[in-house]
Amino acid sequence: MEEYTFLRQFADSWMLLALFLFFIGVIVWVFRPGSSKKYRDTANIPFRHEDAPAPRDDDKPAAKEARK
């Protein structure tokens, strides 16, 4: 039972603090200045080509010539 008690106290104190700081770090990372352009670009991927689906990354002209 001593191991359980130690782990329980650790989880209630330091691990809680560590996970809270990780959560705050993720929030700061997402809302950092300059990231809105990247997220806006990612959100618009489905709307880039109205007539045809967007090409895969390996369908770039350089990749096509290398396959020939």
Protein backbone atom coordinates (compact mmCIF):
# COMPACT_ATOMS: atom_id res chain seq x y z
CA MET A 1 0.00 0.00 0.00
CA GLU A 2 2.92 2.34 0.48
CA GLU A 3 3.65 2.48 -3.24
CA TYR A 4 0.03 3.30 -4.03
CA THR A 5 -0.01 6.08 -1.45
CA PHE A 6 3.19 7.58 -2.87
CA LEU A 7 1.91 7.45 -6.45
CA ARG A 8 -1.44 8.90 -5.41
CA GLN A 9 0.21 11.84 -3.64
CA PHE A 10 2.56 12.38 -6.59
CA ALA A 11 -0.35 12.40 -9.04
CA ASP A 12 -2.31 14.81 -6.88
CA SER A 13 0.53 17.29 -6.57
CA TRP A 14 3.46 17.39 -9.00
CA MET A 15 1.88 15.52 -11.90
CA LEU A 16 -1.16 17.78 -11.73
CA LEU A 17 1.14 20.79 -11.87
CA ALA A 18 3.15 19.32 -14.77
CA LEU A 19 0.04 18.51 -16.82
CA PHE A 20 -1.43 21.96 -16.13
CA LEU A 21 1.78 23.62 -17.33
CA PHE A 22 1.76 21.40 -20.44
CA PHE A 23 -1.84 22.45 -21.14
CA ILE A 24 -0.97 26.14 -20.76
CA GLY A 25 2.04 25.62 -23.07
CA VAL A 26 -0.17 24.09 -25.77
CA ILE A 27 -2.64 26.98 -25.51
CA VAL A 28 0.19 29.53 -25.80
CA TRP A 29 1.64 27.62 -28.79
CA VAL A 30 -1.68 27.59 -30.63
CA PHE A 31 -2.46 31.27 -30.06
CA ARG A 32 1.07 32.58 -30.61
CA PRO A 33 1.48 35.57 -32.93
CA GLY A 34 1.93 34.61 -36.56
CA SER A 35 0.28 31.22 -36.34
CA SER A 36 -3.10 32.35 -37.66
CA LYS A 37 -1.85 32.40 -41.28
CA LYS A 38 -0.66 28.79 -41.00
CA TYR A 39 -3.95 27.62 -39.48
CA ARG A 40 -6.00 29.57 -42.02
CA ASP A 41 -4.02 27.99 -44.84
CA THR A 42 -4.52 24.51 -43.38
CA ALA A 43 -8.24 25.11 -42.93
CA ASN A 44 -8.63 26.10 -46.61
CA ILE A 45 -7.00 22.97 -48.05
CA PRO A 46 -10.33 21.42 -49.15
CA PHE A 47 -11.28 24.58 -51.05
CA ARG A 48 -8.08 25.13 -53.06
CA HIS A 49 -9.22 23.28 -56.19
CA GLU A 50 -12.89 23.53 -56.99
CA ASP A 51 -12.75 21.47 -60.21
CA ALA A 52 -10.34 18.74 -59.15
CA PRO A 53 -8.95 17.42 -55.92
CA ALA A 54 -5.66 18.80 -54.68
CA PRO A 55 -2.62 16.86 -55.95
CA ARG A 56 -0.64 14.75 -53.54
CA ASP A 57 2.78 15.98 -52.43
CA ASP A 58 4.54 13.40 -54.61
CA ASP A 59 2.65 14.60 -57.73
CA LYS A 60 4.78 17.73 -58.01
CA PRO A 61 6.46 18.27 -61.41
CA ALA A 62 9.94 17.39 -60.08
CA ALA A 63 8.62 14.11 -58.66
CA LYS A 64 6.89 13.26 -61.97
CA GLU A 65 10.08 13.80 -63.97
CA ALA A 66 12.11 11.69 -61.55
CA ARG A 67 9.70 8.77 -62.07
CA LYS A 68 10.15 8.81 -65.89
